[in-house]
Amino acid sequence: MRQPQIYTAWKVTCHSHEESLELQQWLLSRIDLERVFADTLRTAPNGIEQTWTERHRLGDYFESIRILPSADATQASFILVFQKLPDAKRFWKDLMVNILRELDASPQSSAIELEFKGDRELVSA
């Protein structure tokens, strides 16, 4: 039986080495495993709207989220590695995408591309 991916790595490229360092520093608080995302859900059974909020702590879905150096000679990029927990529920992908969207919206980021996904650890790029 095929094992699901455990590691997903993204290459984040900035305009310069300085912007890469600045973005990595900013990102540290965003990838803290104690960080909580609030997800507002809405349903309308029988035409009556119901709204509630679910809280999702990164540490409930990920073993780790790390920043690794890239092999980029200009050092304008880095690798963001998500290591999901083996029993993480499907919402781990939504949390990863939320973090990637935050990165994409930052003025320092110029490109985000999938670097690796699989069941073995990525030590360096």
PDB file of N, CA and C in Angstrom:
ATOM      1  N   MET A   1       0.834  -1.180   0.000  1.00  0.00           N
ATOM      2  CA  MET A   1       0.000   0.000   0.000  1.00  0.00           C
ATOM      3  C   MET A   1       0.883   1.250   0.000  1.00  0.00           C
ATOM      4  N   ARG A   2       0.527   2.234  -0.796  1.00  0.00           N
ATOM      5  CA  ARG A   2       1.310   3.459  -0.928  1.00  0.00           C
ATOM      6  C   ARG A   2       1.194   4.301   0.339  1.00  0.00           C
ATOM      7  N   GLN A   3       2.336   4.738   0.855  1.00  0.00           N
ATOM      8  CA  GLN A   3       2.354   5.609   2.023  1.00  0.00           C
ATOM      9  C   GLN A   3       2.139   7.059   1.590  1.00  0.00           C
ATOM     10  N   PRO A   4       1.371   7.824   2.332  1.00  0.00           N
ATOM     11  CA  PRO A   4       1.177   9.226   1.976  1.00  0.00           C
ATOM     12  C   PRO A   4       2.457  10.030   2.212  1.00  0.00           C
ATOM     13  N   GLN A   5       2.552  11.144   1.517  1.00  0.00           N
ATOM     14  CA  GLN A   5       3.730  11.986   1.679  1.00  0.00           C
ATOM     15  C   GLN A   5       3.803  12.520   3.097  1.00  0.00           C
ATOM     16  N   ILE A   6       5.006  12.603   3.612  1.00  0.00           N
ATOM     17  CA  ILE A   6       5.252  13.154   4.941  1.00  0.00           C
ATOM     18  C   ILE A   6       5.885  14.543   4.811  1.00  0.00           C
ATOM     19  N   TYR A   7       6.755  14.698   3.826  1.00  0.00           N
ATOM     20  CA  TYR A   7       7.505  15.947   3.640  1.00  0.00           C
ATOM     21  C   TYR A   7       7.052  16.664   2.369  1.00  0.00           C
ATOM     22  N   THR A   8       6.864  17.968   2.497  1.00  0.00           N
ATOM     23  CA  THR A   8       6.592  18.820   1.348  1.00  0.00           C
ATOM     24  C   THR A   8       7.499  20.038   1.489  1.00  0.00           C
ATOM     25  N   ALA A   9       8.309  20.284   0.464  1.00  0.00           N
ATOM     26  CA  ALA A   9       9.273  21.384   0.515  1.00  0.00           C
ATOM     27  C   ALA A   9       9.004  22.361  -0.617  1.00  0.00           C
ATOM     28  N   TRP A  10       9.105  23.636  -0.300  1.00  0.00           N
ATOM     29  CA  TRP A  10       8.865  24.711  -1.253  1.00  0.00           C
ATOM     30  C   TRP A  10      10.099  25.604  -1.332  1.00  0.00           C
ATOM     31  N   LYS A  11      10.494  25.946  -2.534  1.00  0.00           N
ATOM     32  CA  LYS A  11      11.600  26.881  -2.724  1.00  0.00           C
ATOM     33  C   LYS A  11      11.003  28.285  -2.815  1.00  0.00           C
ATOM     34  N   VAL A  12      11.466  29.164  -1.932  1.00  0.00           N
ATOM     35  CA  VAL A  12      11.003  30.545  -1.895  1.00  0.00           C
ATOM     36  C   VAL A  12      12.152  31.416  -2.382  1.00  0.00           C
ATOM     37  N   THR A  13      11.926  32.135  -3.462  1.00  0.00           N
ATOM     38  CA  THR A  13      12.966  32.974  -4.052  1.00  0.00           C
ATOM     39  C   THR A  13      12.605  34.441  -3.863  1.00  0.00           C
ATOM     40  N   CYS A  14      13.570  35.197  -3.410  1.00  0.00           N
ATOM     41  CA  CYS A  14      13.399  36.633  -3.182  1.00  0.00           C
ATOM     42  C   CYS A  14      14.229  37.406  -4.200  1.00  0.00           C
ATOM     43  N   HIS A  15      14.137  38.719  -4.145  1.00  0.00           N
ATOM     44  CA  HIS A  15      14.878  39.571  -5.074  1.00  0.00           C
ATOM     45  C   HIS A  15      16.359  39.676  -4.715  1.00  0.00           C
ATOM     46  N   SER A  16      16.686  39.478  -3.429  1.00  0.00           N
ATOM     47  CA  SER A  16      18.081  39.609  -2.995  1.00  0.00           C
ATOM     48  C   SER A  16      18.309  38.757  -1.746  1.00  0.00           C
ATOM     49  N   HIS A  17      19.575  38.591  -1.406  1.00  0.00           N
ATOM     50  CA  HIS A  17      19.946  37.860  -0.191  1.00  0.00           C
ATOM     51  C   HIS A  17      19.386  38.560   1.047  1.00  0.00           C
ATOM     52  N   GLU A  18      19.451  39.872   1.080  1.00  0.00           N
ATOM     53  CA  GLU A  18      18.954  40.640   2.222  1.00  0.00           C
ATOM     54  C   GLU A  18      17.447  40.445   2.400  1.00  0.00           C
ATOM     55  N   GLU A  19      16.704  40.467   1.300  1.00  0.00           N
ATOM     56  CA  GLU A  19      15.262  40.255   1.388  1.00  0.00           C
ATOM     57  C   GLU A  19      14.944  38.826   1.815  1.00  0.00           C
ATOM     58  N   SER A  20      15.758  37.877   1.389  1.00  0.00           N
ATOM     59  CA  SER A  20      15.576  36.490   1.805  1.00  0.00           C
ATOM     60  C   SER A  20      15.741  36.360   3.320  1.00  0.00           C
ATOM     61  N   LEU A  21      16.778  36.977   3.862  1.00  0.00           N
ATOM     62  CA  LEU A  21      17.007  36.936   5.315  1.00  0.00           C
ATOM     63  C   LEU A  21      15.874  37.613   6.071  1.00  0.00           C
ATOM     64  N   GLU A  22      15.412  38.741   5.554  1.00  0.00           N
ATOM     65  CA  GLU A  22      14.314  39.471   6.180  1.00  0.00           C
ATOM     66  C   GLU A  22      13.031  38.630   6.173  1.00  0.00           C
ATOM     67  N   LEU A  23      12.756  37.984   5.064  1.00  0.00           N
ATOM     68  CA  LEU A  23      11.562  37.154   4.960  1.00  0.00           C
ATOM     69  C   LEU A  23      11.660  35.931   5.875  1.00  0.00           C
ATOM     70  N   GLN A  24      12.824  35.333   5.971  1.00  0.00           N
ATOM     71  CA  GLN A  24      12.997  34.176   6.855  1.00  0.00           C
ATOM     72  C   GLN A  24      12.749  34.578   8.312  1.00  0.00           C
ATOM     73  N   GLN A  25      13.248  35.738   8.695  1.00  0.00           N
ATOM     74  CA  GLN A  25      13.041  36.224  10.066  1.00  0.00           C
ATOM     75  C   GLN A  25      11.547  36.447  10.330  1.00  0.00           C
ATOM     76  N   TRP A  26      10.861  37.060   9.380  1.00  0.00           N
ATOM     77  CA  TRP A  26       9.426  37.316   9.498  1.00  0.00           C
ATOM     78  C   TRP A  26       8.652  35.997   9.581  1.00  0.00           C
ATOM     79  N   LEU A  27       9.095  35.016   8.831  1.00  0.00           N
ATOM     80  CA  LEU A  27       8.414  33.734   8.737  1.00  0.00           C
ATOM     81  C   LEU A  27       8.481  32.915  10.024  1.00  0.00           C
ATOM     82  N   LEU A  28       9.497  33.126  10.831  1.00  0.00           N
ATOM     83  CA  LEU A  28       9.675  32.320  12.043  1.00  0.00           C
ATOM     84  C   LEU A  28       8.433  32.308  12.934  1.00  0.00           C
ATOM     85  N   SER A  29       7.795  33.452  13.123  1.00  0.00           N
ATOM     86  CA  SER A  29       6.598  33.483  13.971  1.00  0.00           C
ATOM     87  C   SER A  29       5.399  32.838  13.270  1.00  0.00           C
ATOM     88  N   ARG A  30       5.411  32.825  11.958  1.00  0.00           N
ATOM     89  CA  ARG A  30       4.299  32.266  11.183  1.00  0.00           C
ATOM     90  C   ARG A  30       4.327  30.737  11.155  1.00  0.00           C
ATOM     91  N   ILE A  31       5.503  30.135  11.365  1.00  0.00           N
ATOM     92  CA  ILE A  31       5.617  28.674  11.318  1.00  0.00           C
ATOM     93  C   ILE A  31       5.781  28.050  12.704  1.00  0.00           C
ATOM     94  N   ASP A  32       5.594  28.853  13.738  1.00  0.00           N
ATOM     95  CA  ASP A  32       5.648  28.346  15.109  1.00  0.00           C
ATOM     96  C   ASP A  32       4.540  27.308  15.282  1.00  0.00           C
ATOM     97  N   LEU A  33       4.881  26.136  15.767  1.00  0.00           N
ATOM     98  CA  LEU A  33       3.904  25.048  15.902  1.00  0.00           C
ATOM     99  C   LEU A  33       2.790  25.358  16.895  1.00  0.00           C
ATOM    100  N   GLU A  34       2.965  26.385  17.724  1.00  0.00           N
ATOM    101  CA  GLU A  34       1.916  26.795  18.657  1.00  0.00           C
ATOM    102  C   GLU A  34       0.925  27.769  18.012  1.00  0.00           C
ATOM    103  N   ARG A  35       1.219  28.218  16.815  1.00  0.00           N
ATOM    104  CA  ARG A  35       0.331  29.158  16.119  1.00  0.00           C
ATOM    105  C   ARG A  35      -1.008  28.489  15.827  1.00  0.00           C
ATOM    106  N   VAL A  36      -2.081  29.268  15.958  1.00  0.00           N
ATOM    107  CA  VAL A  36      -3.428  28.761  15.745  1.00  0.00           C
ATOM    108  C   VAL A  36      -4.097  29.546  14.617  1.00  0.00           C
ATOM    109  N   PHE A  37      -4.699  28.828  13.696  1.00  0.00           N
ATOM    110  CA  PHE A  37      -5.508  29.417  12.631  1.00  0.00           C
ATOM    111  C   PHE A  37      -6.974  29.221  13.001  1.00  0.00           C
ATOM    112  N   ALA A  38      -7.783  30.244  12.771  1.00  0.00           N
ATOM    113  CA  ALA A  38      -9.219  30.143  12.991  1.00  0.00           C
ATOM    114  C   ALA A  38      -9.895  29.958  11.641  1.00  0.00           C
ATOM    115  N   ASP A  39     -10.749  28.964  11.547  1.00  0.00           N
ATOM    116  CA  ASP A  39     -11.473  28.665  10.320  1.00  0.00           C
ATOM    117  C   ASP A  39     -12.964  28.845  10.603  1.00  0.00           C
ATOM    118  N   THR A  40     -13.588  29.815   9.933  1.00  0.00           N
ATOM    119  CA  THR A  40     -15.008  30.072  10.129  1.00  0.00           C
ATOM    120  C   THR A  40     -15.810  29.231   9.141  1.00  0.00           C
ATOM    121  N   LEU A  41     -16.735  28.464   9.679  1.00  0.00           N
ATOM    122  CA  LEU A  41     -17.563  27.567   8.869  1.00  0.00           C
ATOM    123  C   LEU A  41     -19.005  28.048   8.895  1.00  0.00           C
ATOM    124  N   ARG A  42     -19.674  27.875   7.758  1.00  0.00           N
ATOM    125  CA  ARG A  42     -21.077  28.274   7.646  1.00  0.00           C
ATOM    126  C   ARG A  42     -21.879  27.147   6.989  1.00  0.00           C
ATOM    127  N   THR A  43     -23.039  26.890   7.539  1.00  0.00           N
ATOM    128  CA  THR A  43     -23.987  25.973   6.916  1.00  0.00           C
ATOM    129  C   THR A  43     -25.367  26.625   6.979  1.00  0.00           C
ATOM    130  N   ALA A  44     -26.276  26.097   6.204  1.00  0.00           N
ATOM    131  CA  ALA A  44     -27.644  26.631   6.208  1.00  0.00           C
ATOM    132  C   ALA A  44     -28.655  25.496   6.132  1.00  0.00           C
ATOM    133  N   PRO A  45     -28.701  24.646   7.163  1.00  0.00           N
ATOM    134  CA  PRO A  45     -29.706  23.585   7.148  1.00  0.00           C
ATOM    135  C   PRO A  45     -31.110  24.192   7.299  1.00  0.00           C
ATOM    136  N   ASN A  46     -32.011  23.738   6.449  1.00  0.00           N
ATOM    137  CA  ASN A  46     -33.393  24.236   6.456  1.00  0.00           C
ATOM    138  C   ASN A  46     -33.469  25.749   6.298  1.00  0.00           C
ATOM    139  N   GLY A  47     -32.494  26.343   5.607  1.00  0.00           N
ATOM    140  CA  GLY A  47     -32.498  27.779   5.351  1.00  0.00           C
ATOM    141  C   GLY A  47     -32.071  28.642   6.521  1.00  0.00           C
ATOM    142  N   ILE A  48     -31.647  28.019   7.609  1.00  0.00           N
ATOM    143  CA  ILE A  48     -31.213  28.775   8.792  1.00  0.00           C
ATOM    144  C   ILE A  48     -29.688  28.720   8.852  1.00  0.00           C
ATOM    145  N   GLU A  49     -29.083  29.908   8.704  1.00  0.00           N
ATOM    146  CA  GLU A  49     -27.618  29.945   8.674  1.00  0.00           C
ATOM    147  C   GLU A  49     -27.035  29.703  10.061  1.00  0.00           C
ATOM    148  N   GLN A  50     -26.028  28.846  10.080  1.00  0.00           N
ATOM    149  CA  GLN A  50     -25.282  28.575  11.313  1.00  0.00           C
ATOM    150  C   GLN A  50     -23.814  28.845  11.024  1.00  0.00           C
ATOM    151  N   THR A  51     -23.165  29.524  11.943  1.00  0.00           N
ATOM    152  CA  THR A  51     -21.751  29.867  11.795  1.00  0.00           C
ATOM    153  C   THR A  51     -21.016  29.447  13.059  1.00  0.00           C
ATOM    154  N   TRP A  52     -19.838  28.874  12.870  1.00  0.00           N
ATOM    155  CA  TRP A  52     -18.985  28.539  14.007  1.00  0.00           C
ATOM    156  C   TRP A  52     -17.532  28.596  13.569  1.00  0.00           C
ATOM    157  N   THR A  53     -16.667  28.661  14.555  1.00  0.00           N
ATOM    158  CA  THR A  53     -15.241  28.767  14.291  1.00  0.00           C
ATOM    159  C   THR A  53     -14.522  27.555  14.850  1.00  0.00           C
ATOM    160  N   GLU A  54     -13.676  26.970  14.015  1.00  0.00           N
ATOM    161  CA  GLU A  54     -12.815  25.875  14.472  1.00  0.00           C
ATOM    162  C   GLU A  54     -11.394  26.395  14.541  1.00  0.00           C
ATOM    163  N   ARG A  55     -10.685  25.993  15.566  1.00  0.00           N
ATOM    164  CA  ARG A  55      -9.297  26.419  15.759  1.00  0.00           C
ATOM    165  C   ARG A  55      -8.379  25.265  15.383  1.00  0.00           C
ATOM    166  N   HIS A  56      -7.321  25.600  14.638  1.00  0.00           N
ATOM    167  CA  HIS A  56      -6.372  24.584  14.177  1.00  0.00           C
ATOM    168  C   HIS A  56      -4.951  25.022  14.560  1.00  0.00           C
ATOM    169  N   ARG A  57      -4.348  24.282  15.471  1.00  0.00           N
ATOM    170  CA  ARG A  57      -2.976  24.543  15.908  1.00  0.00           C
ATOM    171  C   ARG A  57      -2.017  23.818  14.972  1.00  0.00           C
ATOM    172  N   LEU A  58      -0.989  24.521  14.487  1.00  0.00           N
ATOM    173  CA  LEU A  58      -0.043  23.908  13.550  1.00  0.00           C
ATOM    174  C   LEU A  58       0.560  22.623  14.114  1.00  0.00           C
ATOM    175  N   GLY A  59       0.870  22.609  15.394  1.00  0.00           N
ATOM    176  CA  GLY A  59       1.483  21.437  16.018  1.00  0.00           C
ATOM    177  C   GLY A  59       0.579  20.214  16.073  1.00  0.00           C
ATOM    178  N   ASP A  60      -0.719  20.398  15.815  1.00  0.00           N
ATOM    179  CA  ASP A  60      -1.634  19.255  15.763  1.00  0.00           C
ATOM    180  C   ASP A  60      -1.606  18.578  14.395  1.00  0.00           C
ATOM    181  N   TYR A  61      -0.924  19.205  13.427  1.00  0.00           N
ATOM    182  CA  TYR A  61      -0.873  18.697  12.057  1.00  0.00           C
ATOM    183  C   TYR A  61       0.549  18.434  11.559  1.00  0.00           C
ATOM    184  N   PHE A  62       1.517  19.166  12.139  1.00  0.00           N
ATOM    185  CA  PHE A  62       2.894  19.077  11.652  1.00  0.00           C
ATOM    186  C   PHE A  62       3.851  18.671  12.758  1.00  0.00           C
ATOM    187  N   GLU A  63       4.763  17.776  12.414  1.00  0.00           N
ATOM    188  CA  GLU A  63       5.865  17.408  13.306  1.00  0.00           C
ATOM    189  C   GLU A  63       6.839  18.578  13.395  1.00  0.00           C
ATOM    190  N   SER A  64       7.087  19.196  12.226  1.00  0.00           N
ATOM    191  CA  SER A  64       7.965  20.364  12.174  1.00  0.00           C
ATOM    192  C   SER A  64       7.686  21.153  10.901  1.00  0.00           C
ATOM    193  N   ILE A  65       8.060  22.431  10.951  1.00  0.00           N
ATOM    194  CA  ILE A  65       8.088  23.295   9.777  1.00  0.00           C
ATOM    195  C   ILE A  65       9.425  24.021   9.882  1.00  0.00           C
ATOM    196  N   ARG A  66      10.304  23.776   8.895  1.00  0.00           N
ATOM    197  CA  ARG A  66      11.679  24.276   8.998  1.00  0.00           C
ATOM    198  C   ARG A  66      12.064  25.104   7.780  1.00  0.00           C
ATOM    199  N   ILE A  67      13.040  25.958   8.008  1.00  0.00           N
ATOM    200  CA  ILE A  67      13.642  26.735   6.925  1.00  0.00           C
ATOM    201  C   ILE A  67      15.036  26.167   6.704  1.00  0.00           C
ATOM    202  N   LEU A  68      15.335  25.783   5.458  1.00  0.00           N
ATOM    203  CA  LEU A  68      16.654  25.261   5.092  1.00  0.00           C
ATOM    204  C   LEU A  68      17.281  26.186   4.053  1.00  0.00           C
ATOM    205  N   PRO A  69      18.601  26.234   4.024  1.00  0.00           N
ATOM    206  CA  PRO A  69      19.250  27.021   2.972  1.00  0.00           C
ATOM    207  C   PRO A  69      19.056  26.359   1.611  1.00  0.00           C
ATOM    208  N   SER A  70      19.051  27.165   0.599  1.00  0.00           N
ATOM    209  CA  SER A  70      18.942  26.671  -0.772  1.00  0.00           C
ATOM    210  C   SER A  70      20.334  26.575  -1.376  1.00  0.00           C
ATOM    211  N   ALA A  71      20.465  25.796  -2.421  1.00  0.00           N
ATOM    212  CA  ALA A  71      21.750  25.682  -3.119  1.00  0.00           C
ATOM    213  C   ALA A  71      21.976  26.869  -4.055  1.00  0.00           C
ATOM    214  N   ASP A  72      21.057  27.814  -4.045  1.00  0.00           N
ATOM    215  CA  ASP A  72      21.135  29.014  -4.879  1.00  0.00           C
ATOM    216  C   ASP A  72      22.436  29.779  -4.585  1.00  0.00           C
ATOM    217  N   ALA A  73      23.225  30.015  -5.605  1.00  0.00           N
ATOM    218  CA  ALA A  73      24.517  30.692  -5.428  1.00  0.00           C
ATOM    219  C   ALA A  73      24.354  32.124  -4.935  1.00  0.00           C
ATOM    220  N   THR A  74      23.243  32.772  -5.261  1.00  0.00           N
ATOM    221  CA  THR A  74      23.043  34.157  -4.833  1.00  0.00           C
ATOM    222  C   THR A  74      22.513  34.243  -3.413  1.00  0.00           C
ATOM    223  N   GLN A  75      22.095  33.124  -2.863  1.00  0.00           N
ATOM    224  CA  GLN A  75      21.497  33.041  -1.526  1.00  0.00           C
ATOM    225  C   GLN A  75      20.246  33.896  -1.410  1.00  0.00           C
ATOM    226  N   ALA A  76      19.561  34.098  -2.524  1.00  0.00           N
ATOM    227  CA  ALA A  76      18.322  34.868  -2.532  1.00  0.00           C
ATOM    228  C   ALA A  76      17.112  33.969  -2.327  1.00  0.00           C
ATOM    229  N   SER A  77      17.347  32.707  -2.045  1.00  0.00           N
ATOM    230  CA  SER A  77      16.224  31.792  -1.840  1.00  0.00           C
ATOM    231  C   SER A  77      16.498  30.879  -0.646  1.00  0.00           C
ATOM    232  N   PHE A  78      15.429  30.232  -0.202  1.00  0.00           N
ATOM    233  CA  PHE A  78      15.524  29.262   0.882  1.00  0.00           C
ATOM    234  C   PHE A  78      14.448  28.213   0.653  1.00  0.00           C
ATOM    235  N   ILE A  79      14.531  27.123   1.410  1.00  0.00           N
ATOM    236  CA  ILE A  79      13.581  26.023   1.293  1.00  0.00           C
ATOM    237  C   ILE A  79      12.739  25.977   2.568  1.00  0.00           C
ATOM    238  N   LEU A  80      11.421  25.933   2.394  1.00  0.00           N
ATOM    239  CA  LEU A  80      10.494  25.818   3.512  1.00  0.00           C
ATOM    240  C   LEU A  80       9.960  24.389   3.507  1.00  0.00           C
ATOM    241  N   VAL A  81      10.262  23.637   4.570  1.00  0.00           N
ATOM    242  CA  VAL A  81       9.919  22.210   4.631  1.00  0.00           C
ATOM    243  C   VAL A  81       8.830  21.976   5.677  1.00  0.00           C
ATOM    244  N   PHE A  82       7.736  21.377   5.223  1.00  0.00           N
ATOM    245  CA  PHE A  82       6.635  20.978   6.099  1.00  0.00           C
ATOM    246  C   PHE A  82       6.734  19.470   6.306  1.00  0.00           C
ATOM    247  N   GLN A  83       6.817  19.049   7.563  1.00  0.00           N
ATOM    248  CA  GLN A  83       6.809  17.627   7.902  1.00  0.00           C
ATOM    249  C   GLN A  83       5.512  17.353   8.647  1.00  0.00           C
ATOM    250  N   LYS A  84       4.573  16.718   7.971  1.00  0.00           N
ATOM    251  CA  LYS A  84       3.275  16.486   8.607  1.00  0.00           C
ATOM    252  C   LYS A  84       3.346  15.291   9.552  1.00  0.00           C
ATOM    253  N   LEU A  85       2.474  15.303  10.509  1.00  0.00           N
ATOM    254  CA  LEU A  85       2.345  14.151  11.396  1.00  0.00           C
ATOM    255  C   LEU A  85       1.741  12.990  10.608  1.00  0.00           C
ATOM    256  N   PRO A  86       2.158  11.761  10.890  1.00  0.00           N
ATOM    257  CA  PRO A  86       1.635  10.608  10.138  1.00  0.00           C
ATOM    258  C   PRO A  86       0.118  10.481  10.205  1.00  0.00           C
ATOM    259  N   ASP A  87      -0.483  10.895  11.314  1.00  0.00           N
ATOM    260  CA  ASP A  87      -1.932  10.764  11.469  1.00  0.00           C
ATOM    261  C   ASP A  87      -2.670  12.094  11.308  1.00  0.00           C
ATOM    262  N   ALA A  88      -2.033  13.079  10.666  1.00  0.00           N
ATOM    263  CA  ALA A  88      -2.654  14.394  10.495  1.00  0.00           C
ATOM    264  C   ALA A  88      -3.907  14.287   9.632  1.00  0.00           C
ATOM    265  N   LYS A  89      -4.917  14.999  10.051  1.00  0.00           N
ATOM    266  CA  LYS A  89      -6.148  15.037   9.264  1.00  0.00           C
ATOM    267  C   LYS A  89      -5.925  15.888   8.020  1.00  0.00           C
ATOM    268  N   ARG A  90      -6.845  15.808   7.070  1.00  0.00           N
ATOM    269  CA  ARG A  90      -6.740  16.447   5.773  1.00  0.00           C
ATOM    270  C   ARG A  90      -6.466  17.950   5.842  1.00  0.00           C
ATOM    271  N   PHE A  91      -6.849  18.612   6.909  1.00  0.00           N
ATOM    272  CA  PHE A  91      -6.718  20.068   6.994  1.00  0.00           C
ATOM    273  C   PHE A  91      -5.262  20.545   6.974  1.00  0.00           C
ATOM    274  N   TRP A  92      -4.294  19.637   7.075  1.00  0.00           N
ATOM    275  CA  TRP A  92      -2.885  20.045   7.050  1.00  0.00           C
ATOM    276  C   TRP A  92      -2.567  20.775   5.748  1.00  0.00           C
ATOM    277  N   LYS A  93      -3.176  20.363   4.659  1.00  0.00           N
ATOM    278  CA  LYS A  93      -2.915  21.009   3.370  1.00  0.00           C
ATOM    279  C   LYS A  93      -3.421  22.443   3.367  1.00  0.00           C
ATOM    280  N   ASP A  94      -4.585  22.678   3.955  1.00  0.00           N
ATOM    281  CA  ASP A  94      -5.128  24.034   4.038  1.00  0.00           C
ATOM    282  C   ASP A  94      -4.207  24.940   4.849  1.00  0.00           C
ATOM    283  N   LEU A  95      -3.679  24.412   5.945  1.00  0.00           N
ATOM    284  CA  LEU A  95      -2.770  25.206   6.774  1.00  0.00           C
ATOM    285  C   LEU A  95      -1.489  25.548   6.011  1.00  0.00           C
ATOM    286  N   MET A  96      -0.950  24.572   5.289  1.00  0.00           N
ATOM    287  CA  MET A  96       0.248  24.821   4.494  1.00  0.00           C
ATOM    288  C   MET A  96      -0.028  25.896   3.446  1.00  0.00           C
ATOM    289  N   VAL A  97      -1.145  25.801   2.771  1.00  0.00           N
ATOM    290  CA  VAL A  97      -1.500  26.785   1.743  1.00  0.00           C
ATOM    291  C   VAL A  97      -1.681  28.174   2.359  1.00  0.00           C
ATOM    292  N   ASN A  98      -2.271  28.258   3.549  1.00  0.00           N
ATOM    293  CA  ASN A  98      -2.414  29.558   4.218  1.00  0.00           C
ATOM    294  C   ASN A  98      -1.058  30.210   4.459  1.00  0.00           C
ATOM    295  N   ILE A  99      -0.095  29.425   4.894  1.00  0.00           N
ATOM    296  CA  ILE A  99       1.250  29.958   5.130  1.00  0.00           C
ATOM    297  C   ILE A  99       1.890  30.384   3.812  1.00  0.00           C
ATOM    298  N   LEU A 100       1.724  29.586   2.774  1.00  0.00           N
ATOM    299  CA  LEU A 100       2.276  29.938   1.458  1.00  0.00           C
ATOM    300  C   LEU A 100       1.628  31.210   0.911  1.00  0.00           C
ATOM    301  N   ARG A 101       0.348  31.398   1.138  1.00  0.00           N
ATOM    302  CA  ARG A 101      -0.325  32.628   0.703  1.00  0.00           C
ATOM    303  C   ARG A 101       0.232  33.842   1.439  1.00  0.00           C
ATOM    304  N   GLU A 102       0.497  33.685   2.725  1.00  0.00           N
ATOM    305  CA  GLU A 102       1.100  34.787   3.484  1.00  0.00           C
ATOM    306  C   GLU A 102       2.465  35.145   2.906  1.00  0.00           C
ATOM    307  N   LEU A 103       3.236  34.108   2.587  1.00  0.00           N
ATOM    308  CA  LEU A 103       4.549  34.329   1.974  1.00  0.00           C
ATOM    309  C   LEU A 103       4.415  35.046   0.629  1.00  0.00           C
ATOM    310  N   ASP A 104       3.492  34.584  -0.176  1.00  0.00           N
ATOM    311  CA  ASP A 104       3.301  35.148  -1.509  1.00  0.00           C
ATOM    312  C   ASP A 104       2.872  36.616  -1.442  1.00  0.00           C
ATOM    313  N   ALA A 105       2.152  36.984  -0.404  1.00  0.00           N
ATOM    314  CA  ALA A 105       1.684  38.357  -0.252  1.00  0.00           C
ATOM    315  C   ALA A 105       2.757  39.296   0.283  1.00  0.00           C
ATOM    316  N   SER A 106       3.862  38.747   0.764  1.00  0.00           N
ATOM    317  CA  SER A 106       4.916  39.597   1.324  1.00  0.00           C
ATOM    318  C   SER A 106       5.667  40.310   0.199  1.00  0.00           C
ATOM    319  N   PRO A 107       6.139  41.522   0.458  1.00  0.00           N
ATOM    320  CA  PRO A 107       6.852  42.266  -0.587  1.00  0.00           C
ATOM    321  C   PRO A 107       8.206  41.643  -0.960  1.00  0.00           C
ATOM    322  N   GLN A 108       8.785  40.829  -0.091  1.00  0.00           N
ATOM    323  CA  GLN A 108      10.098  40.242  -0.361  1.00  0.00           C
ATOM    324  C   GLN A 108      10.042  39.038  -1.287  1.00  0.00           C
ATOM    325  N   SER A 109       8.935  38.340  -1.308  1.00  0.00           N
ATOM    326  CA  SER A 109       8.838  37.103  -2.067  1.00  0.00           C
ATOM    327  C   SER A 109       8.559  37.382  -3.540  1.00  0.00           C
ATOM    328  N   SER A 110       9.291  36.704  -4.416  1.00  0.00           N
ATOM    329  CA  SER A 110       9.036  36.878  -5.841  1.00  0.00           C
ATOM    330  C   SER A 110       8.571  35.582  -6.505  1.00  0.00           C
ATOM    331  N   ALA A 111       8.878  34.446  -5.904  1.00  0.00           N
ATOM    332  CA  ALA A 111       8.450  33.169  -6.490  1.00  0.00           C
ATOM    333  C   ALA A 111       8.437  32.083  -5.422  1.00  0.00           C
ATOM    334  N   ILE A 112       7.430  31.220  -5.507  1.00  0.00           N
ATOM    335  CA  ILE A 112       7.334  30.051  -4.633  1.00  0.00           C
ATOM    336  C   ILE A 112       7.039  28.867  -5.538  1.00  0.00           C
ATOM    337  N   GLU A 113       7.897  27.848  -5.462  1.00  0.00           N
ATOM    338  CA  GLU A 113       7.682  26.676  -6.303  1.00  0.00           C
ATOM    339  C   GLU A 113       7.933  25.399  -5.521  1.00  0.00           C
ATOM    340  N   LEU A 114       7.200  24.362  -5.885  1.00  0.00           N
ATOM    341  CA  LEU A 114       7.363  23.076  -5.223  1.00  0.00           C
ATOM    342  C   LEU A 114       8.759  22.532  -5.493  1.00  0.00           C
ATOM    343  N   GLU A 115       9.458  22.189  -4.436  1.00  0.00           N
ATOM    344  CA  GLU A 115      10.818  21.655  -4.541  1.00  0.00           C
ATOM    345  C   GLU A 115      10.831  20.132  -4.418  1.00  0.00           C
ATOM    346  N   PHE A 116       9.997  19.608  -3.497  1.00  0.00           N
ATOM    347  CA  PHE A 116      10.058  18.180  -3.189  1.00  0.00           C
ATOM    348  C   PHE A 116       8.821  17.778  -2.409  1.00  0.00           C
ATOM    349  N   LYS A 117       8.349  16.558  -2.641  1.00  0.00           N
ATOM    350  CA  LYS A 117       7.364  15.960  -1.747  1.00  0.00           C
ATOM    351  C   LYS A 117       7.606  14.450  -1.748  1.00  0.00           C
ATOM    352  N   GLY A 118       7.502  13.859  -0.568  1.00  0.00           N
ATOM    353  CA  GLY A 118       7.745  12.432  -0.458  1.00  0.00           C
ATOM    354  C   GLY A 118       7.765  11.980   0.987  1.00  0.00           C
ATOM    355  N   ASP A 119       8.284  10.772   1.184  1.00  0.00           N
ATOM    356  CA  ASP A 119       8.290  10.198   2.532  1.00  0.00           C
ATOM    357  C   ASP A 119       9.685  10.167   3.152  1.00  0.00           C
ATOM    358  N   ARG A 120      10.663  10.758   2.486  1.00  0.00           N
ATOM    359  CA  ARG A 120      11.998  10.830   3.094  1.00  0.00           C
ATOM    360  C   ARG A 120      12.332  12.280   3.407  1.00  0.00           C
ATOM    361  N   GLU A 121      13.167  12.463   4.405  1.00  0.00           N
ATOM    362  CA  GLU A 121      13.509  13.813   4.848  1.00  0.00           C
ATOM    363  C   GLU A 121      14.428  14.504   3.866  1.00  0.00           C
ATOM    364  N   LEU A 122      14.139  15.764   3.596  1.00  0.00           N
ATOM    365  CA  LEU A 122      15.002  16.604   2.770  1.00  0.00           C
ATOM    366  C   LEU A 122      15.979  17.291   3.721  1.00  0.00           C
ATOM    367  N   VAL A 123      17.256  16.963   3.627  1.00  0.00           N
ATOM    368  CA  VAL A 123      18.261  17.498   4.535  1.00  0.00           C
ATOM    369  C   VAL A 123      18.745  18.858   4.054  1.00  0.00           C
ATOM    370  N   SER A 124      19.015  18.976   2.776  1.00  0.00           N
ATOM    371  CA  SER A 124      19.389  20.259   2.192  1.00  0.00           C
ATOM    372  C   SER A 124      19.020  20.242   0.729  1.00  0.00           C
ATOM    373  N   ALA A 125      18.938  21.443   0.160  1.00  0.00           N
ATOM    374  CA  ALA A 125      18.532  21.529  -1.238  1.00  0.00           C
ATOM    375  C   ALA A 125      19.720  21.635  -2.148  1.00  0.00           C
TER     376      ALA A 125
END
